[in-house]
N, C-alpha and C. Protein backbone atom coordinates (compact mmCIF):
# COMPACT_ATOMS: atom_id res chain seq x y z
N MET A 1 -5.53 -23.38 35.96
CA MET A 1 -5.73 -22.41 37.14
C MET A 1 -4.42 -22.21 37.81
N ALA A 2 -3.42 -23.23 37.80
CA ALA A 2 -2.15 -23.07 38.46
C ALA A 2 -1.43 -21.94 37.69
N LYS A 3 -1.52 -21.79 36.36
CA LYS A 3 -0.74 -20.82 35.64
C LYS A 3 -1.28 -19.41 36.15
N LYS A 4 -2.54 -19.28 36.27
CA LYS A 4 -2.98 -17.89 36.62
C LYS A 4 -2.31 -17.61 37.88
N SER A 5 -2.52 -18.45 39.05
CA SER A 5 -2.00 -18.08 40.42
C SER A 5 -0.55 -17.98 40.40
N SER A 6 0.43 -18.52 39.48
CA SER A 6 1.84 -18.31 39.33
C SER A 6 2.07 -16.96 38.80
N ARG A 7 1.04 -16.48 37.95
CA ARG A 7 1.22 -15.13 37.31
C ARG A 7 0.76 -14.05 38.30
N THR A 8 -0.17 -14.24 39.23
CA THR A 8 -0.50 -13.51 40.40
C THR A 8 0.60 -13.64 41.29
N LEU A 9 1.15 -14.29 41.61
CA LEU A 9 2.18 -14.39 42.85
C LEU A 9 3.30 -13.65 42.03
N SER A 10 3.63 -13.95 40.74
CA SER A 10 4.70 -13.10 40.00
C SER A 10 4.61 -11.66 40.09
N ARG A 11 3.32 -11.29 39.82
CA ARG A 11 3.02 -9.69 40.01
C ARG A 11 3.10 -9.25 41.35
N SER A 12 2.58 -9.89 42.25
CA SER A 12 2.43 -9.47 43.59
C SER A 12 4.23 -9.41 43.94
N GLY A 13 5.06 -10.47 43.57
CA GLY A 13 6.43 -10.40 43.75
C GLY A 13 7.07 -9.18 43.31
N ALA A 14 6.58 -8.92 42.03
CA ALA A 14 7.25 -7.70 41.35
C ALA A 14 6.91 -6.59 42.12
N SER A 15 5.55 -6.29 42.50
CA SER A 15 5.09 -5.16 43.08
C SER A 15 5.71 -5.12 44.56
N LEU A 16 6.06 -6.11 45.13
CA LEU A 16 6.67 -6.02 46.51
C LEU A 16 8.15 -5.28 46.22
N TRP A 17 8.79 -5.69 45.38
CA TRP A 17 9.96 -5.05 45.01
C TRP A 17 9.98 -3.71 44.58
N LEU A 18 8.73 -3.52 43.88
CA LEU A 18 8.52 -2.05 43.49
C LEU A 18 8.42 -1.25 44.76
N TRP A 19 7.61 -1.61 45.75
CA TRP A 19 7.42 -1.00 46.98
C TRP A 19 8.58 -0.77 47.76
N LEU A 20 9.25 -1.86 47.89
CA LEU A 20 10.68 -1.84 48.63
C LEU A 20 11.48 -0.95 47.99
N GLY A 21 11.63 -1.01 46.70
CA GLY A 21 12.37 0.02 46.00
C GLY A 21 12.15 1.42 46.38
N LEU A 22 10.82 1.79 46.25
CA LEU A 22 10.56 3.06 46.70
C LEU A 22 10.74 3.60 48.12
N ALA A 23 10.48 2.64 48.97
CA ALA A 23 10.94 2.98 50.24
C ALA A 23 12.42 3.08 50.27
N LEU A 24 13.21 2.27 49.76
CA LEU A 24 14.76 2.69 49.56
C LEU A 24 15.11 4.04 48.99
N LEU A 25 14.31 4.32 47.94
CA LEU A 25 14.55 5.68 47.41
C LEU A 25 14.27 6.86 48.24
N ILE A 26 13.08 6.59 49.15
CA ILE A 26 12.65 7.74 50.05
C ILE A 26 13.73 7.62 51.32
N LEU A 27 14.35 6.48 51.73
CA LEU A 27 15.21 6.49 52.66
C LEU A 27 16.67 7.22 52.38
N LEU A 28 17.24 6.93 51.09
CA LEU A 28 18.29 7.40 50.46
C LEU A 28 18.22 8.84 50.20
N ALA A 29 16.95 9.48 49.99
CA ALA A 29 16.92 10.87 49.72
C ALA A 29 16.78 11.56 51.16
N ASP A 30 16.18 11.04 52.10
CA ASP A 30 16.27 11.54 53.38
C ASP A 30 17.63 11.55 54.10
N GLN A 31 18.41 10.31 54.09
CA GLN A 31 19.47 10.46 54.68
C GLN A 31 20.52 11.30 53.90
N PHE A 32 20.48 11.37 52.68
CA PHE A 32 21.34 12.42 51.87
C PHE A 32 20.97 13.69 52.05
N THR A 33 19.72 14.28 52.24
CA THR A 33 19.71 15.52 52.62
C THR A 33 19.97 15.90 54.11
N LYS A 34 19.91 14.87 55.03
CA LYS A 34 20.23 15.02 56.36
C LYS A 34 21.82 15.03 56.43
N ILE A 35 22.63 14.29 55.70
CA ILE A 35 24.09 14.31 55.64
C ILE A 35 24.48 15.72 55.29
N TRP A 36 23.80 16.21 54.22
CA TRP A 36 24.18 17.67 53.67
C TRP A 36 23.95 18.65 54.72
N ILE A 37 22.65 18.63 55.45
CA ILE A 37 22.43 19.48 56.46
C ILE A 37 23.42 19.47 57.61
N ILE A 38 23.79 18.26 58.03
CA ILE A 38 24.90 18.34 58.95
C ILE A 38 26.06 18.78 58.50
N GLY A 39 26.59 18.48 57.32
CA GLY A 39 27.91 19.02 56.94
C GLY A 39 27.89 20.47 56.52
N THR A 40 26.73 21.03 56.39
CA THR A 40 26.72 22.48 55.93
C THR A 40 26.37 23.42 57.05
N TYR A 41 25.39 22.98 57.94
CA TYR A 41 25.06 23.98 58.96
C TYR A 41 25.29 23.40 60.43
N GLN A 42 25.63 24.45 61.18
CA GLN A 42 25.70 23.98 62.69
C GLN A 42 24.32 24.02 63.35
N LEU A 43 24.35 23.49 64.38
CA LEU A 43 22.88 23.18 65.17
C LEU A 43 22.42 24.60 65.47
N GLY A 44 21.06 24.92 65.11
CA GLY A 44 20.49 26.21 65.25
C GLY A 44 20.58 27.12 64.15
N ASP A 45 21.79 27.01 63.19
CA ASP A 45 21.68 27.90 61.91
C ASP A 45 20.38 27.99 61.18
N SER A 46 20.16 29.06 60.51
CA SER A 46 18.93 29.11 59.62
C SER A 46 19.25 29.95 58.58
N LEU A 47 18.66 29.51 57.36
CA LEU A 47 18.78 30.25 56.20
C LEU A 47 17.58 30.52 55.44
N PRO A 48 17.27 31.88 55.66
CA PRO A 48 15.97 32.32 55.05
C PRO A 48 16.04 31.92 53.37
N LEU A 49 14.95 31.40 52.93
CA LEU A 49 15.08 31.05 51.55
C LEU A 49 13.66 31.77 50.76
N SER A 50 12.67 32.06 51.61
CA SER A 50 11.72 32.88 51.07
C SER A 50 10.98 33.46 52.29
N SER A 51 10.02 34.23 51.98
CA SER A 51 9.16 34.92 53.18
C SER A 51 8.44 33.99 54.23
N PHE A 52 8.21 32.66 53.72
CA PHE A 52 7.56 31.60 54.35
C PHE A 52 8.53 30.25 54.64
N PHE A 53 9.72 30.30 54.39
CA PHE A 53 10.54 29.11 54.42
C PHE A 53 11.95 29.41 54.77
N ASN A 54 12.56 28.57 55.53
CA ASN A 54 13.77 28.60 56.00
C ASN A 54 14.63 27.17 55.88
N LEU A 55 15.74 27.11 55.72
CA LEU A 55 16.43 25.71 56.13
C LEU A 55 17.00 26.18 57.48
N VAL A 56 16.88 25.00 58.23
CA VAL A 56 17.44 25.16 59.57
C VAL A 56 18.03 23.86 59.91
N ARG A 57 18.86 23.82 61.07
CA ARG A 57 19.39 22.64 61.71
C ARG A 57 18.79 22.50 62.89
N VAL A 58 17.88 21.61 63.07
CA VAL A 58 17.37 21.20 64.34
C VAL A 58 17.31 19.79 64.68
N HIS A 59 17.62 19.49 65.98
CA HIS A 59 17.79 18.06 66.57
C HIS A 59 16.61 17.85 67.39
N ASN A 60 15.81 16.72 67.03
CA ASN A 60 14.54 16.28 67.80
C ASN A 60 14.85 15.03 68.31
N SER A 61 14.89 15.19 69.65
CA SER A 61 15.24 13.73 70.24
C SER A 61 13.87 13.23 70.95
N GLY A 62 12.78 13.82 70.49
CA GLY A 62 11.46 13.23 70.71
C GLY A 62 10.89 12.74 69.42
N ALA A 63 9.53 12.74 69.59
CA ALA A 63 8.76 12.14 68.31
C ALA A 63 8.14 13.31 67.76
N ALA A 64 7.05 13.23 67.10
CA ALA A 64 6.63 14.26 66.27
C ALA A 64 6.10 15.35 67.12
N PHE A 65 6.57 16.69 66.62
CA PHE A 65 6.29 18.03 67.32
C PHE A 65 7.13 17.92 68.76
N SER A 66 8.17 17.12 68.53
CA SER A 66 9.20 17.06 69.74
C SER A 66 8.49 16.48 71.07
N PHE A 67 7.47 15.55 70.96
CA PHE A 67 6.78 14.98 71.86
C PHE A 67 7.67 14.13 72.69
N LEU A 68 8.22 14.29 73.98
CA LEU A 68 8.95 13.42 74.92
C LEU A 68 10.32 13.97 74.52
N ALA A 69 10.45 14.89 74.17
CA ALA A 69 11.97 15.39 73.74
C ALA A 69 12.86 15.83 74.99
N GLN A 70 12.27 16.21 76.07
CA GLN A 70 12.76 16.29 77.29
C GLN A 70 12.78 15.07 78.34
N ALA A 71 12.55 14.02 77.76
CA ALA A 71 12.20 12.94 78.64
C ALA A 71 13.52 12.04 79.52
N GLY A 72 14.62 12.79 79.08
CA GLY A 72 15.69 12.04 79.76
C GLY A 72 16.64 11.11 79.21
N GLY A 73 16.22 10.90 77.84
CA GLY A 73 17.14 9.77 77.14
C GLY A 73 16.33 8.57 76.67
N TRP A 74 15.60 8.03 77.66
CA TRP A 74 15.01 6.67 77.45
C TRP A 74 14.26 6.68 76.07
N GLN A 75 13.73 7.64 75.80
CA GLN A 75 12.94 7.76 74.61
C GLN A 75 13.58 7.45 73.22
N ARG A 76 15.04 7.86 73.29
CA ARG A 76 15.83 7.23 72.08
C ARG A 76 15.41 6.01 71.61
N TRP A 77 15.63 5.05 72.70
CA TRP A 77 15.70 3.69 72.43
C TRP A 77 14.26 3.20 72.35
N PHE A 78 13.38 3.89 72.92
CA PHE A 78 11.85 3.31 72.83
C PHE A 78 11.41 3.60 71.48
N PHE A 79 11.82 4.80 70.96
CA PHE A 79 11.33 5.26 69.52
C PHE A 79 12.20 4.44 68.53
N THR A 80 13.39 4.06 68.67
CA THR A 80 14.14 3.37 67.82
C THR A 80 13.58 1.80 67.60
N GLY A 81 13.23 1.37 68.75
CA GLY A 81 12.30 -0.02 68.86
C GLY A 81 11.00 0.09 68.40
N LEU A 82 10.29 1.11 68.66
CA LEU A 82 8.81 1.16 67.92
C LEU A 82 9.01 1.49 66.35
N GLY A 83 10.07 2.00 65.96
CA GLY A 83 10.12 2.36 64.58
C GLY A 83 10.79 1.09 63.85
N SER A 84 11.37 0.22 64.64
CA SER A 84 12.09 -0.99 63.94
C SER A 84 10.97 -1.92 63.90
N VAL A 85 10.12 -2.23 64.85
CA VAL A 85 9.18 -3.08 64.81
C VAL A 85 8.00 -2.55 63.74
N ALA A 86 8.04 -1.41 63.75
CA ALA A 86 6.77 -0.80 62.89
C ALA A 86 7.40 -1.20 61.32
N ALA A 87 8.64 -1.17 61.22
CA ALA A 87 9.22 -1.17 59.63
C ALA A 87 9.08 -2.86 59.49
N LEU A 88 9.32 -3.66 60.43
CA LEU A 88 9.09 -4.94 60.14
C LEU A 88 7.46 -5.45 59.86
N LEU A 89 6.47 -4.89 60.52
CA LEU A 89 5.29 -5.03 60.40
C LEU A 89 4.88 -4.48 59.09
N MET A 90 5.37 -3.23 58.43
CA MET A 90 5.12 -2.89 57.28
C MET A 90 5.58 -3.55 56.10
N ILE A 91 6.86 -4.21 56.22
CA ILE A 91 7.34 -5.09 55.23
C ILE A 91 6.59 -6.24 55.21
N TRP A 92 6.10 -6.86 56.18
CA TRP A 92 5.08 -7.95 56.27
C TRP A 92 3.72 -7.61 55.60
N MET A 93 3.29 -6.40 55.82
CA MET A 93 1.94 -5.90 55.06
C MET A 93 2.26 -5.82 53.81
N LEU A 94 3.35 -5.55 53.28
CA LEU A 94 3.74 -5.25 51.72
C LEU A 94 3.67 -6.61 51.19
N THR A 95 4.16 -7.72 51.71
CA THR A 95 4.31 -9.14 51.31
C THR A 95 2.70 -9.58 51.05
N GLN A 96 1.87 -9.20 51.96
CA GLN A 96 0.40 -9.70 52.23
C GLN A 96 -0.19 -8.87 51.17
N HIS A 97 0.01 -7.62 50.65
CA HIS A 97 -0.85 -6.78 49.90
C HIS A 97 0.00 -6.31 48.70
N ALA A 98 0.65 -6.77 48.24
CA ALA A 98 1.90 -5.87 47.29
C ALA A 98 1.08 -5.51 46.01
N GLY A 99 0.02 -6.26 45.84
CA GLY A 99 -0.56 -5.84 44.43
C GLY A 99 -1.59 -4.63 44.73
N GLN A 100 -1.72 -4.21 45.81
CA GLN A 100 -2.70 -3.21 45.80
C GLN A 100 -1.94 -1.92 45.74
N ARG A 101 -2.21 -1.15 44.82
CA ARG A 101 -1.38 -0.04 44.36
C ARG A 101 -1.31 1.16 45.32
N LEU A 102 -2.39 1.65 45.66
CA LEU A 102 -2.52 2.86 46.64
C LEU A 102 -1.89 2.52 48.14
N PHE A 103 -2.50 1.39 48.48
CA PHE A 103 -1.79 0.75 49.84
C PHE A 103 -0.42 0.45 49.87
N GLY A 104 0.09 -0.25 48.82
CA GLY A 104 1.46 -0.33 48.68
C GLY A 104 2.22 0.87 48.58
N PHE A 105 1.79 1.99 47.92
CA PHE A 105 2.66 3.41 47.82
C PHE A 105 2.39 3.80 49.10
N ALA A 106 1.53 3.81 49.79
CA ALA A 106 1.45 4.30 51.11
C ALA A 106 2.25 3.71 52.28
N ILE A 107 2.22 2.52 52.34
CA ILE A 107 3.06 1.77 53.28
C ILE A 107 4.77 1.94 52.83
N ALA A 108 4.93 1.89 51.45
CA ALA A 108 6.54 2.27 51.06
C ALA A 108 6.80 3.74 51.72
N CYS A 109 5.90 4.58 51.54
CA CYS A 109 6.27 5.92 51.91
C CYS A 109 6.62 5.88 53.53
N VAL A 110 5.83 5.26 54.16
CA VAL A 110 5.80 5.27 55.62
C VAL A 110 7.02 4.57 56.09
N LEU A 111 7.28 3.27 55.48
CA LEU A 111 8.31 2.33 55.82
C LEU A 111 9.81 3.31 55.50
N GLY A 112 9.88 3.92 54.22
CA GLY A 112 11.12 4.63 53.92
C GLY A 112 11.31 5.70 55.01
N GLY A 113 10.26 6.57 55.35
CA GLY A 113 10.55 7.51 56.41
C GLY A 113 10.73 6.82 57.78
N ALA A 114 10.10 6.01 58.12
CA ALA A 114 10.19 5.53 59.46
C ALA A 114 11.70 4.79 59.53
N VAL A 115 12.33 4.31 58.75
CA VAL A 115 13.61 3.77 58.79
C VAL A 115 14.47 4.88 58.65
N GLY A 116 14.25 5.90 57.77
CA GLY A 116 15.26 7.17 57.83
C GLY A 116 15.21 7.80 59.24
N ASN A 117 14.33 7.80 60.04
CA ASN A 117 14.20 8.35 61.30
C ASN A 117 14.78 7.54 62.38
N VAL A 118 14.79 6.16 62.11
CA VAL A 118 15.13 5.19 63.10
C VAL A 118 16.97 5.31 62.76
N ILE A 119 17.15 5.29 61.87
CA ILE A 119 18.74 5.46 61.40
C ILE A 119 19.33 6.82 62.34
N ASP A 120 18.51 7.86 62.05
CA ASP A 120 19.07 9.01 62.86
C ASP A 120 19.14 8.62 64.06
N ARG A 121 18.07 8.10 64.87
CA ARG A 121 18.20 7.82 66.35
C ARG A 121 19.43 6.98 66.79
N VAL A 122 19.55 5.93 65.93
CA VAL A 122 20.65 5.14 66.26
C VAL A 122 22.00 5.70 66.23
N LEU A 123 22.49 6.55 65.01
CA LEU A 123 23.45 7.27 64.63
C LEU A 123 23.79 8.42 65.61
N TYR A 124 22.78 9.11 65.88
CA TYR A 124 22.88 10.48 66.60
C TYR A 124 22.39 10.58 67.88
N GLY A 125 21.40 9.88 68.15
CA GLY A 125 20.42 9.88 69.16
C GLY A 125 19.31 10.87 69.13
N TYR A 126 19.12 11.40 67.82
CA TYR A 126 17.98 12.36 67.78
C TYR A 126 17.72 12.44 66.20
N VAL A 127 16.67 12.87 65.80
CA VAL A 127 16.28 13.04 64.34
C VAL A 127 16.91 14.48 63.88
N VAL A 128 17.47 14.41 62.64
CA VAL A 128 17.71 15.84 62.09
C VAL A 128 16.70 16.42 61.49
N ASP A 129 16.15 17.45 61.76
CA ASP A 129 14.94 18.19 60.97
C ASP A 129 15.58 19.43 60.28
N PHE A 130 14.96 19.95 59.19
CA PHE A 130 15.67 21.13 58.37
C PHE A 130 14.70 22.10 57.68
N LEU A 131 13.52 21.41 57.41
CA LEU A 131 12.66 22.18 56.88
C LEU A 131 11.54 23.05 57.73
N ASP A 132 11.76 24.15 57.51
CA ASP A 132 11.03 25.43 58.79
C ASP A 132 10.16 26.20 57.84
N PHE A 133 8.82 26.06 57.82
CA PHE A 133 7.90 26.88 57.29
C PHE A 133 7.26 27.89 58.05
N HIS A 134 7.04 28.84 57.77
CA HIS A 134 6.19 29.91 58.73
C HIS A 134 5.45 30.86 58.21
N TYR A 135 4.68 31.50 58.95
CA TYR A 135 3.88 32.66 58.45
C TYR A 135 3.35 33.50 59.63
N ALA A 136 3.61 34.82 59.42
CA ALA A 136 3.35 36.05 60.43
C ALA A 136 4.01 35.48 61.85
N GLY A 137 5.32 35.15 61.66
CA GLY A 137 5.97 34.78 63.08
C GLY A 137 5.61 33.47 63.80
N ILE A 138 4.74 32.76 63.08
CA ILE A 138 4.29 31.53 63.59
C ILE A 138 4.99 30.32 62.73
N HIS A 139 5.91 29.53 63.53
CA HIS A 139 6.60 28.51 62.77
C HIS A 139 5.95 27.26 62.96
N PHE A 140 5.81 26.57 61.88
CA PHE A 140 5.36 24.90 62.12
C PHE A 140 6.54 24.30 62.44
N PRO A 141 6.21 23.14 63.45
CA PRO A 141 7.58 22.39 63.91
C PRO A 141 8.49 22.04 62.52
N ALA A 142 9.90 22.22 62.79
CA ALA A 142 10.75 21.80 61.67
C ALA A 142 10.54 20.23 61.35
N PHE A 143 10.65 19.75 60.09
CA PHE A 143 10.57 18.49 59.74
C PHE A 143 11.58 18.17 58.72
N ASN A 144 11.52 17.08 58.05
CA ASN A 144 12.60 16.55 57.26
C ASN A 144 11.86 15.68 56.02
N VAL A 145 12.60 14.87 55.23
CA VAL A 145 12.01 14.26 54.18
C VAL A 145 11.53 12.97 54.60
N ALA A 146 11.79 12.50 55.69
CA ALA A 146 11.33 11.03 56.16
C ALA A 146 9.98 11.46 56.76
N ASP A 147 9.79 12.59 57.60
CA ASP A 147 8.38 13.14 58.04
C ASP A 147 7.48 13.24 56.89
N SER A 148 7.94 13.89 55.92
CA SER A 148 7.18 14.37 54.83
C SER A 148 6.37 12.95 53.97
N ALA A 149 7.41 12.13 54.03
CA ALA A 149 6.99 10.71 53.28
C ALA A 149 6.00 10.19 54.34
N ILE A 150 6.17 10.14 55.62
CA ILE A 150 5.30 9.51 56.52
C ILE A 150 4.05 10.27 56.54
N THR A 151 3.89 11.45 56.18
CA THR A 151 2.54 12.14 56.21
C THR A 151 1.85 11.98 54.99
N LEU A 152 2.58 11.87 53.92
CA LEU A 152 2.02 11.51 52.42
C LEU A 152 1.38 10.08 52.63
N GLY A 153 2.26 8.96 53.28
CA GLY A 153 1.82 7.79 53.37
C GLY A 153 0.58 7.72 54.23
N ALA A 154 0.55 8.45 55.36
CA ALA A 154 -0.66 8.38 56.11
C ALA A 154 -1.83 8.86 55.41
N ALA A 155 -1.71 9.85 54.64
CA ALA A 155 -2.70 10.45 54.05
C ALA A 155 -3.28 9.52 52.89
N CYS A 156 -2.17 8.78 52.32
CA CYS A 156 -2.95 7.85 51.18
C CYS A 156 -3.50 6.69 51.87
N LEU A 157 -2.96 6.40 53.10
CA LEU A 157 -3.69 5.25 53.76
C LEU A 157 -5.25 5.53 54.02
N ILE A 158 -5.24 6.92 54.58
CA ILE A 158 -6.64 7.26 54.84
C ILE A 158 -7.64 7.32 53.47
N LEU A 159 -6.99 7.79 52.58
CA LEU A 159 -7.71 7.81 51.18
C LEU A 159 -8.00 6.37 50.76
N ASP A 160 -7.12 5.48 50.99
CA ASP A 160 -7.21 4.03 50.47
C ASP A 160 -8.34 3.26 51.30
N GLU A 161 -8.49 3.57 52.56
CA GLU A 161 -9.52 2.97 53.42
C GLU A 161 -10.81 3.59 53.02
N VAL A 162 -10.91 5.16 52.77
CA VAL A 162 -12.05 5.80 52.32
C VAL A 162 -12.48 5.09 51.13
N LEU A 163 -11.49 4.80 49.89
CA LEU A 163 -11.99 4.30 48.58
C LEU A 163 -12.63 2.95 48.90
N ARG A 164 -12.01 2.01 49.76
CA ARG A 164 -12.26 0.71 50.05
C ARG A 164 -13.62 0.55 50.73
N VAL A 165 -13.98 1.47 51.65
CA VAL A 165 -15.24 1.44 52.26
C VAL A 165 -16.30 1.85 51.15
N ARG A 166 -16.17 2.80 50.22
CA ARG A 166 -16.90 3.31 49.43
C ARG A 166 -17.35 2.07 48.38
N ARG A 167 -16.43 1.47 47.87
CA ARG A 167 -16.33 0.29 46.99
C ARG A 167 -17.19 -0.85 47.58
N GLY A 168 -17.05 -1.08 49.04
CA GLY A 168 -17.71 -2.31 49.56
C GLY A 168 -19.06 -1.65 50.01
């Protein structure tokens, strides 16, 4: 019985490193693209790449969809703290459930994205956004790799819960 338990722990440990590695890859992709945008574009620059997509350089001092962007500055540290606490909670969750594939994937995506945006807030005081989709003159709020990973992770968390409920 002890051998089976140590094998299970070994697999969970390997899975934990897999999820932390995925979060790190997302973080690196996010930071690389933001550094490239900062080095290539001035604030407000836009490069149309298709009839529905532009690369832009936008600074978001708020949260999703620029929520609290005009709050006077306190939101920088509030969202930095919130993101940091959330990252620690997600790491703990991964240690507890590393063997659950969909859940681990989802949390790794959210973790990588959250840390990417926390780094922006600490370094710049805002999050660098650059992906701008639009249709018929209507622009979806600009976003970045971190936001994409967080959205994918959230969708996978919902799917994981739906599948868990259906199994139970």
